[in-house]
Protein backbone atom coordinates (compact mmCIF):
# COMPACT_ATOMS: atom_id res chain seq x y z
CA UNK A 1 21.20 60.84 -38.27
CA UNK A 2 23.89 59.65 -40.36
CA UNK A 3 23.01 56.49 -43.21
CA UNK A 4 25.19 54.16 -44.10
CA UNK A 5 26.45 52.54 -47.22
CA UNK A 6 25.88 48.57 -47.38
CA UNK A 7 28.40 47.70 -49.88
CA UNK A 8 30.79 45.44 -48.22
CA UNK A 9 34.57 45.58 -47.61
CA UNK A 10 36.86 43.13 -47.19
CA UNK A 11 37.01 40.37 -44.01
CA UNK A 12 38.80 41.30 -40.31
CA UNK A 13 40.82 38.16 -40.10
CA UNK A 14 40.58 37.60 -36.03
CA UNK A 15 43.82 35.65 -35.72
CA UNK A 16 44.98 33.45 -32.81
CA UNK A 17 48.26 31.89 -33.42
CA UNK A 18 47.59 32.59 -37.17
CA UNK A 19 44.00 30.71 -37.17
CA UNK A 20 40.77 32.49 -37.81
CA UNK A 21 38.32 32.05 -35.27
CA UNK A 22 35.04 32.94 -34.01
CA UNK A 23 33.89 33.15 -30.30
CA UNK A 24 31.27 30.41 -31.18
CA UNK A 25 30.84 28.12 -34.22
CA UNK A 26 29.17 24.37 -34.67
CA UNK A 27 31.48 21.37 -34.72
CA UNK A 28 31.76 20.46 -38.54
CA UNK A 29 32.21 17.19 -37.68
CA UNK A 30 29.50 16.59 -35.10
CA UNK A 31 26.45 19.09 -35.49
CA UNK A 32 25.49 18.52 -32.05
CA UNK A 33 27.85 19.78 -30.65
CA UNK A 34 28.73 23.89 -30.05
CA UNK A 35 32.43 24.88 -29.79
CA UNK A 36 33.24 28.17 -27.68
CA UNK A 37 36.49 29.93 -27.02
CA UNK A 38 36.64 29.14 -23.09
CA UNK A 39 36.90 32.59 -21.78
CA UNK A 40 37.68 31.98 -18.12
CA UNK A 41 40.89 30.64 -19.19
CA UNK A 42 42.31 33.69 -21.30
CA UNK A 43 44.77 35.08 -21.61
CA UNK A 44 47.04 32.49 -19.93
CA UNK A 45 44.96 29.04 -21.71
CA UNK A 46 43.56 29.35 -24.76
CA UNK A 47 40.95 26.17 -25.05
CA UNK A 48 37.83 25.54 -26.75
CA UNK A 49 34.96 23.88 -25.16
CA UNK A 50 31.91 21.32 -26.45
CA UNK A 51 28.43 22.35 -25.39
CA UNK A 52 26.38 19.76 -25.81
CA UNK A 53 23.58 20.46 -24.09
CA UNK A 54 20.98 22.85 -23.26
CA UNK A 55 22.12 22.73 -19.11
CA UNK A 56 26.04 23.36 -21.14
CA UNK A 57 24.81 26.67 -22.92
CA UNK A 58 23.12 27.80 -19.27
CA UNK A 59 26.09 26.62 -17.29
CA UNK A 60 28.54 28.28 -20.31
CA UNK A 61 26.82 32.10 -20.49
CA UNK A 62 26.16 32.30 -16.25
CA UNK A 63 29.84 31.51 -15.76
CA UNK A 64 30.43 33.52 -18.02
CA UNK A 65 32.78 30.93 -20.36
CA UNK A 66 31.29 33.03 -23.27
CA UNK A 67 30.11 36.47 -22.03
CA UNK A 68 29.66 39.52 -24.27
CA UNK A 69 25.97 40.92 -25.29
CA UNK A 70 26.54 39.06 -28.67
CA UNK A 71 27.91 36.44 -27.71
CA UNK A 72 25.18 35.33 -25.10
CA UNK A 73 22.35 35.92 -27.84
CA UNK A 74 24.29 33.65 -30.60
CA UNK A 75 24.81 30.75 -27.64
CA UNK A 76 21.15 31.11 -26.53
CA UNK A 77 20.33 30.54 -29.92
CA UNK A 78 22.26 27.52 -30.21
CA UNK A 79 20.57 26.14 -26.81
CA UNK A 80 17.29 26.21 -28.54
CA UNK A 81 19.01 23.93 -31.16
CA UNK A 82 20.14 21.80 -28.73
CA UNK A 83 16.93 21.74 -27.27
CA UNK A 84 15.59 20.07 -29.89
CA UNK A 85 17.83 17.36 -29.84
CA UNK A 86 16.48 16.27 -26.45
CA UNK A 87 13.03 16.03 -27.38
CA UNK A 88 11.73 12.14 -27.21
CA UNK A 89 9.12 10.52 -27.93
CA UNK A 90 7.80 11.09 -24.53
CA UNK A 91 8.20 14.52 -24.82
CA UNK A 92 5.59 17.61 -25.97
CA UNK A 93 8.03 19.24 -28.36
CA UNK A 94 6.79 22.80 -28.33
CA UNK A 95 5.91 22.67 -24.18
CA UNK A 96 9.76 21.56 -24.01
CA UNK A 97 10.96 23.78 -26.21
CA UNK A 98 9.12 26.74 -24.25
CA UNK A 99 10.52 25.59 -20.86
CA UNK A 100 13.94 25.53 -22.37
CA UNK A 101 13.51 29.15 -23.38
CA UNK A 102 12.46 30.37 -20.35
CA UNK A 103 15.16 29.12 -18.95
CA UNK A 104 17.87 30.30 -20.88
CA UNK A 105 16.57 33.67 -20.99
CA UNK A 106 16.78 33.72 -17.00
CA UNK A 107 20.77 32.84 -17.24
CA UNK A 108 21.61 36.67 -16.99
CA UNK A 109 19.26 39.42 -16.86
CA UNK A 110 20.79 42.40 -17.96
CA UNK A 111 22.15 41.91 -22.22
CA UNK A 112 18.70 41.80 -23.70
CA UNK A 113 20.09 40.49 -26.76
CA UNK A 114 19.91 36.83 -24.79
CA UNK A 115 15.53 37.12 -25.16
CA UNK A 116 15.79 38.64 -28.58
CA UNK A 117 18.26 35.44 -30.16
CA UNK A 118 15.58 32.85 -27.91
CA UNK A 119 12.32 34.62 -29.37
CA UNK A 120 13.55 34.83 -32.65
CA UNK A 121 14.38 31.03 -33.11
CA UNK A 122 11.28 30.34 -30.93
CA UNK A 123 9.21 32.06 -33.18
CA UNK A 124 10.63 30.46 -36.01
CA UNK A 125 9.83 27.27 -34.59
CA UNK A 126 6.09 28.11 -33.96
CA UNK A 127 5.51 28.47 -37.45
CA UNK A 128 6.75 24.77 -38.12
CA UNK A 129 3.85 22.24 -39.55
CA UNK A 130 6.49 19.07 -39.34
CA UNK A 131 8.04 18.06 -35.87
CA UNK A 132 10.71 16.53 -37.83
CA UNK A 133 11.40 20.18 -39.28
CA UNK A 134 12.55 21.38 -35.59
CA UNK A 135 15.83 20.82 -35.59
CA UNK A 136 17.02 21.90 -38.94
CA UNK A 137 14.39 24.85 -38.59
CA UNK A 138 16.52 25.83 -35.04
CA UNK A 139 19.92 25.15 -36.50
CA UNK A 140 19.13 27.41 -39.74
CA UNK A 141 17.90 30.48 -37.48
CA UNK A 142 20.64 29.93 -35.07
CA UNK A 143 23.32 30.48 -37.57
CA UNK A 144 21.64 33.02 -39.27
CA UNK A 145 21.56 35.32 -35.90
CA UNK A 146 25.60 34.76 -35.57
CA UNK A 147 25.77 35.65 -39.29
CA UNK A 148 23.72 38.84 -38.54
CA UNK A 149 25.45 39.65 -35.62
CA UNK A 150 28.82 39.26 -37.29
CA UNK A 151 27.52 41.74 -39.64
CA UNK A 152 26.71 44.20 -37.38
CA UNK A 153 29.77 44.31 -35.80
CA UNK A 154 31.16 44.91 -39.11
CA UNK A 155 29.06 47.63 -40.02
CA UNK A 156 29.45 49.47 -36.99
CA UNK A 157 33.20 49.43 -37.69
CA UNK A 158 32.53 50.76 -41.13
CA UNK A 159 30.40 53.74 -39.16
CA UNK A 160 32.58 54.03 -36.22
CA UNK A 161 36.00 54.69 -38.45
CA UNK A 162 35.02 58.17 -39.63
CA UNK A 163 35.29 59.48 -36.18
CA UNK A 164 38.86 57.84 -35.76
CA UNK A 165 39.98 59.02 -39.07
CA UNK A 166 38.56 63.16 -38.13
CA UNK A 167 40.47 62.77 -34.90
CA UNK A 168 43.23 61.77 -36.82
CA UNK A 169 42.99 64.91 -39.57
CA UNK A 170 42.61 66.94 -36.87
CA UNK A 171 45.71 65.95 -34.97
CA UNK A 172 47.51 65.85 -38.43
CA UNK A 173 48.30 62.63 -38.59
CA UNK A 174 49.29 61.79 -34.48
CA UNK A 175 48.16 58.59 -32.91
CA UNK A 176 44.42 58.73 -32.01
CA UNK A 177 44.07 57.60 -28.08
CA UNK A 178 40.92 55.72 -27.67
CA UNK A 179 39.53 54.46 -24.32
CA UNK A 180 37.57 51.68 -23.65
CA UNK A 181 36.36 49.97 -20.64
CA UNK A 182 35.41 45.75 -20.11
CA UNK A 183 35.73 43.82 -23.75
CA UNK A 184 33.29 44.63 -26.74
CA UNK A 185 35.90 42.65 -28.57
CA UNK A 186 35.39 39.56 -30.89
CA UNK A 187 35.23 37.76 -28.35
CA UNK A 188 31.98 38.92 -27.22
CA UNK A 189 30.46 39.31 -30.58
CA UNK A 190 31.21 36.02 -32.37
CA UNK A 191 33.43 38.48 -34.82
CA UNK A 192 34.55 42.01 -35.23
CA UNK A 193 33.54 43.05 -31.90
CA UNK A 194 31.63 46.21 -31.43
CA UNK A 195 34.14 48.65 -30.11
CA UNK A 196 36.99 46.60 -31.98
CA UNK A 197 35.37 46.97 -35.31
CA UNK A 198 36.69 50.60 -36.13
CA UNK A 199 40.01 50.08 -33.97
CA UNK A 200 41.06 47.00 -36.21
CA UNK A 201 39.73 48.88 -39.77
CA UNK A 202 41.73 52.05 -38.43
CA UNK A 203 45.09 49.76 -37.85
CA UNK A 204 44.85 48.25 -41.06
CA UNK A 205 43.80 51.26 -42.62
CA UNK A 206 46.86 52.43 -41.28
CA UNK A 207 45.74 55.33 -38.99
CA UNK A 208 47.98 55.00 -35.68
CA UNK A 209 45.77 54.29 -32.77
CA UNK A 210 46.45 53.47 -29.39
CA UNK A 211 44.32 52.32 -26.88
CA UNK A 212 43.90 52.83 -23.47
CA UNK A 213 42.43 49.66 -21.93
CA UNK A 214 41.08 49.70 -18.31
CA UNK A 215 41.66 46.53 -16.09
CA UNK A 216 37.93 46.44 -15.54
CA UNK A 217 37.69 45.11 -12.00
CA UNK A 218 36.08 42.87 -10.53
CA UNK A 219 36.73 39.82 -13.20
CA UNK A 220 39.78 42.15 -15.34
CA UNK A 221 37.80 41.63 -18.73
CA UNK A 222 39.83 44.28 -20.01
CA UNK A 223 43.44 43.06 -18.89
CA UNK A 224 42.66 39.54 -19.49
CA UNK A 225 40.60 39.71 -23.17
CA UNK A 226 40.69 43.50 -24.08
CA UNK A 227 44.33 43.20 -24.01
CA UNK A 228 44.84 39.93 -25.56
CA UNK A 229 43.01 40.45 -28.33
CA UNK A 230 44.52 44.23 -28.96
CA UNK A 231 47.85 42.07 -28.61
CA UNK A 232 46.71 39.23 -31.22
CA UNK A 233 46.31 42.04 -33.76
CA UNK A 234 49.31 44.01 -32.87
CA UNK A 235 47.53 47.03 -32.28
CA UNK A 236 48.98 49.03 -29.52
CA UNK A 237 47.82 49.36 -25.99
CA UNK A 238 48.46 50.04 -22.37
CA UNK A 239 46.72 48.53 -19.70
CA UNK A 240 45.59 50.87 -16.78
CA UNK A 241 43.71 50.71 -13.55
CA UNK A 242 39.89 51.57 -13.85
CA UNK A 243 40.19 54.68 -11.69
CA UNK A 244 43.02 55.95 -14.16
CA UNK A 245 40.80 57.24 -16.75
CA UNK A 246 39.93 60.52 -15.02
CA UNK A 247 43.47 61.98 -14.93
CA UNK A 248 44.13 60.71 -18.41
CA UNK A 249 41.70 62.63 -19.64
CA UNK A 250 42.58 65.94 -17.64
CA UNK A 251 45.82 65.65 -19.10
CA UNK A 252 44.55 65.74 -22.76
CA UNK A 253 46.05 62.08 -23.27
CA UNK A 254 42.28 61.01 -24.46
CA UNK A 255 41.27 61.71 -27.92
CA UNK A 256 37.85 60.01 -27.64
CA UNK A 257 35.92 57.10 -25.45
CA UNK A 258 34.12 54.41 -26.78
CA UNK A 259 32.43 51.65 -24.50
CA UNK A 260 29.77 48.68 -25.16
CA UNK A 261 25.97 48.48 -24.41
CA UNK A 262 24.37 44.99 -22.94
CA UNK A 263 21.00 47.23 -23.37
CA UNK A 264 19.58 50.55 -24.35
CA UNK A 265 16.62 52.52 -23.85
CA UNK A 266 14.50 53.97 -26.66
CA UNK A 267 15.86 57.22 -24.67
CA UNK A 268 19.47 56.10 -25.17
CA UNK A 269 20.63 55.16 -22.19
CA UNK A 270 23.00 52.24 -22.10
CA UNK A 271 23.74 49.91 -19.79
CA UNK A 272 27.41 48.44 -19.57
CA UNK A 273 30.33 46.83 -17.47
CA UNK A 274 30.51 48.67 -14.08
CA UNK A 275 32.25 51.66 -13.90
CA UNK A 276 31.31 52.83 -17.44
CA UNK A 277 29.00 55.84 -15.77
CA UNK A 278 32.31 57.25 -14.68
CA UNK A 279 34.31 57.29 -17.50
CA UNK A 280 30.91 59.17 -19.38
CA UNK A 281 31.00 61.48 -16.47
CA UNK A 282 34.75 62.21 -16.63
CA UNK A 283 34.81 62.50 -20.17
CA UNK A 284 32.37 64.97 -20.15
CA UNK A 285 33.35 66.84 -17.72
CA UNK A 286 36.78 66.80 -19.85
CA UNK A 287 34.57 67.97 -22.99
CA UNK A 288 36.03 64.42 -24.64
CA UNK A 289 33.45 62.84 -26.95
CA UNK A 290 32.09 59.09 -25.76
CA UNK A 291 29.97 56.98 -27.91
CA UNK A 292 28.69 53.49 -27.49
CA UNK A 293 28.72 51.10 -29.89
CA UNK A 294 26.07 48.34 -30.05
CA UNK A 295 23.83 46.79 -32.67
CA UNK A 296 20.10 46.90 -32.82
CA UNK A 297 20.02 43.70 -30.84
CA UNK A 298 21.06 45.56 -27.86
CA UNK A 299 18.41 48.14 -28.37
CA UNK A 300 14.86 47.49 -25.79
CA UNK A 301 12.47 49.74 -26.96
CA UNK A 302 9.93 48.68 -24.28
CA UNK A 303 11.67 50.68 -21.39
CA UNK A 304 12.35 54.40 -21.38
CA UNK A 305 14.48 55.46 -17.97
CA UNK A 306 17.99 52.62 -18.05
CA UNK A 307 18.53 53.70 -14.33
CA UNK A 308 15.01 52.72 -13.28
CA UNK A 309 14.16 50.06 -15.65
CA UNK A 310 17.19 47.93 -16.61
CA UNK A 311 17.57 44.76 -14.48
CA UNK A 312 21.17 45.13 -13.24
CA UNK A 313 22.48 41.68 -12.62
CA UNK A 314 24.34 41.29 -9.12
CA UNK A 315 26.95 38.65 -9.10
CA UNK A 316 28.60 35.99 -6.97
CA UNK A 317 30.24 38.74 -3.96
CA UNK A 318 33.34 35.84 -4.58
CA UNK A 319 34.49 37.98 -7.60
CA UNK A 320 35.06 41.47 -5.51
CA UNK A 321 36.87 39.39 -2.95
CA UNK A 322 39.11 37.21 -4.69
CA UNK A 323 40.79 37.54 -8.08
CA UNK A 324 41.94 34.86 -10.18
CA UNK A 325 45.66 34.79 -12.22
CA UNK A 326 48.90 32.61 -13.11
CA UNK A 327 51.26 31.47 -10.65
CA UNK A 328 53.81 29.27 -12.29
CA UNK A 329 51.79 26.98 -14.96
CA UNK A 330 48.51 26.72 -12.58
CA UNK A 331 45.40 29.51 -13.04
CA UNK A 332 44.96 29.87 -8.94
CA UNK A 333 42.40 32.27 -7.28
CA UNK A 334 43.34 33.70 -4.23
CA UNK A 335 41.60 36.19 -1.64
CA UNK A 336 42.19 39.92 -1.57
CA UNK A 337 40.74 41.06 1.72
CA UNK A 338 40.31 40.12 5.46
CA UNK A 339 38.32 37.05 5.59
CA UNK A 340 34.41 37.66 6.02
CA UNK A 341 34.31 41.37 4.27
CA UNK A 342 31.07 41.68 3.23
CA UNK A 343 31.30 42.55 -0.38
CA UNK A 344 28.33 43.43 -3.38
CA UNK A 345 28.70 43.01 -6.78
CA UNK A 346 26.97 44.83 -9.53
CA UNK A 347 27.61 43.84 -12.47
CA UNK A 348 26.35 46.87 -14.52
CA UNK A 349 25.45 50.57 -14.45
CA UNK A 350 23.74 53.12 -16.74
CA UNK A 351 25.11 55.87 -18.54
CA UNK A 352 22.17 58.47 -19.08
CA UNK A 353 21.58 59.38 -22.84
CA UNK A 354 22.68 62.99 -21.45
CA UNK A 355 26.53 62.46 -20.79
CA UNK A 356 27.20 60.53 -24.66
CA UNK A 357 27.87 62.29 -27.63
CA UNK A 358 26.60 59.21 -30.28
CA UNK A 359 25.63 55.69 -30.82
CA UNK A 360 27.19 53.58 -33.32
CA UNK A 361 25.21 50.87 -34.55
CA UNK A 362 24.98 48.94 -37.69
CA UNK A 363 22.65 51.82 -39.65
CA UNK A 364 24.71 54.48 -38.86
CA UNK A 365 25.41 56.78 -35.85
CA UNK A 366 23.02 58.58 -34.17
CA UNK A 367 22.23 61.03 -30.96
CA UNK A 368 20.82 59.46 -28.09
CA UNK A 369 17.48 60.62 -28.63
CA UNK A 370 14.31 59.08 -28.85
CA UNK A 371 12.83 60.49 -32.04
CA UNK A 372 16.37 59.74 -33.60
CA UNK A 373 16.90 56.02 -32.21
CA UNK A 374 13.03 55.29 -33.55
CA UNK A 375 14.09 56.75 -36.84
CA UNK A 376 17.18 54.16 -37.19
CA UNK A 377 14.89 51.28 -36.68
CA UNK A 378 12.12 52.43 -39.00
CA UNK A 379 14.70 52.41 -41.64
CA UNK A 380 15.50 48.52 -41.41
CA UNK A 381 14.61 46.85 -44.54
């Protein structure tokens, strides 16, 4: 297993119109308010949204105002903090918080970061002796979770960059063509992103990169979010339909595939946005390296068989039968199929370990192998 150097490098600025943003933060003027970027409105309108209650957090995760495994975890961690602010004299504090924890964890089933974040904050609260300290402890734990995930993503970039450098060297300085699926950028990860972190580092290092961006039906996170992010960062990209990847690979137009991950098993199977498995098959058939980029918080070490054991979220079929876009100055939703069409909407699929070249994490790059993954966890200090 390849280990990493923990020395810090310069911060990558995630700029929106020249201003640095994270995808979630605490309102500096009102610590009872959590602020997020409304990802439902992008790329058409850049708006922030205020979340003031556990219900607000639940709804924001459920309707994908916030999305992406690390960001979902961060939002849920803040949700427990907001739950402490909702305690009344009539409440049983720990029962109230346990109910809030169960409620938040039930929101979306596939991304394991959600339950990990909630359980970490709850573990801190279970040690509190003075109920007056619950809010301060919960807030500190939520902020620590956010900072840890940001640093994890930065280190994923540090570890993934050599892969791009090596391809660039073999191509004698020519552009490295990278294909990705869905959005695993800073929008999904508080800062840096998982997939995008090495892309940003390569771009800042002067390595020419070009990104093939899958549109990522049915909600078009690639077309709407990844394209927007890369455009803001000045990184060249081309938007393609989801099914174009195989053609690009057959014709030597892809050097490496890097996708995100919402849950990985202890044996290295990964769940990601539906359609990822097909990209892995095409990459395998065309001898193109396929990597998944993820923090250790996305591993579920309690399960072995991703296809059988990872719960796959089924979302509203209307996300398949309808599309949203900009018409004039308005965001509108239109139906794209015959009325009363039956549709199914599996949000994720599972790519088996045998199709994966490596897992890029904050601890280094390892093979999708149980012994290698356990060794990586054992090296945590």
